Amino acid sequence: MRKWLKEKNISLGLVFLFASALVLVDELYREGYLFDFSDLFVFRLTHEKLFTLLFLGGLYTQFKNRNGGKS
């Protein structure tokens, strides 16, 4: 997949950020709200936890790529 992303000139960080946006859209569609901070502290996997992981992963990879790190 990385080869395909490299050929299309798409960074992995943008894929993570786009996926996190899709999680928010799904949350809005299913639950009727965008983000509930209290869902971060429950034991089960929630949309909020998935969004947070994808968003932070996207920011990290974007920051790493901008500073010359190898992805």
Protein backbone atom coordinates (compact mmCIF):
# COMPACT_ATOMS: atom_id res chain seq x y z
CA MET A 1 0.00 0.00 0.00
CA ARG A 2 2.86 2.38 0.73
CA LYS A 3 4.09 1.94 -2.82
CA TRP A 4 0.66 2.91 -4.12
CA LEU A 5 0.55 5.93 -1.80
CA LYS A 6 4.00 6.98 -2.94
CA GLU A 7 3.02 6.67 -6.60
CA LYS A 8 -0.07 8.81 -6.00
CA ASN A 9 1.95 11.28 -3.87
CA ILE A 10 -0.34 10.81 -0.85
CA SER A 11 1.19 10.80 2.60
CA LEU A 12 0.22 8.21 5.18
CA GLY A 13 -0.59 11.00 7.62
CA LEU A 14 -3.27 12.34 5.30
CA VAL A 15 -4.80 8.87 5.10
CA PHE A 16 -4.97 8.74 8.91
CA LEU A 17 -6.48 12.23 9.10
CA PHE A 18 -9.06 11.39 6.43
CA ALA A 19 -9.97 8.18 8.27
CA SER A 20 -10.40 10.13 11.51
CA ALA A 21 -12.77 12.51 9.72
CA LEU A 22 -14.78 9.53 8.50
CA VAL A 23 -15.02 8.27 12.09
CA LEU A 24 -16.49 11.63 13.13
CA VAL A 25 -19.03 11.49 10.31
CA ASP A 26 -20.01 7.98 11.37
CA GLU A 27 -20.33 9.13 14.99
CA LEU A 28 -22.58 11.99 13.96
CA TYR A 29 -24.72 9.69 11.83
CA ARG A 30 -25.07 6.89 14.42
CA GLU A 31 -25.08 8.76 17.71
CA GLY A 32 -26.20 12.27 16.76
CA TYR A 33 -23.17 14.07 18.22
CA LEU A 34 -19.56 14.52 17.17
CA PHE A 35 -17.48 13.87 20.27
CA ASP A 36 -18.25 12.93 23.87
CA PHE A 37 -15.22 13.26 26.14
CA SER A 38 -16.69 10.89 28.72
CA ASP A 39 -16.50 8.06 26.16
CA LEU A 40 -12.71 8.30 26.26
CA PHE A 41 -12.72 6.91 29.79
CA VAL A 42 -14.90 3.83 29.36
CA PHE A 43 -13.38 0.36 29.00
CA ARG A 44 -14.78 -0.59 25.58
CA LEU A 45 -13.55 0.68 22.20
CA THR A 46 -15.54 3.74 21.18
CA HIS A 47 -15.65 6.10 18.22
CA GLU A 48 -13.92 8.72 20.34
CA LYS A 49 -10.97 6.44 21.09
CA LEU A 50 -10.67 5.41 17.45
CA PHE A 51 -10.83 9.04 16.33
CA THR A 52 -8.19 10.05 18.86
CA LEU A 53 -5.82 7.26 17.80
CA LEU A 54 -6.23 7.99 14.10
CA PHE A 55 -5.97 11.76 14.54
CA LEU A 56 -2.85 11.60 16.71
CA GLY A 57 -1.32 9.01 14.37
CA GLY A 58 -2.00 11.29 11.42
CA LEU A 59 -0.51 14.30 13.16
CA TYR A 60 2.55 12.30 14.18
CA THR A 61 3.21 10.95 10.69
CA GLN A 62 2.62 14.36 9.10
CA PHE A 63 5.01 15.98 11.58
CA LYS A 64 7.56 13.23 11.04
CA ASN A 65 7.37 13.60 7.25
CA ARG A 66 7.67 17.39 7.41
CA ASN A 67 10.83 17.16 9.50
CA GLY A 68 12.57 14.80 7.11
CA GLY A 69 11.85 11.58 8.97
CA LYS A 70 11.50 8.36 7.07
CA SER A 71 7.93 7.05 6.92
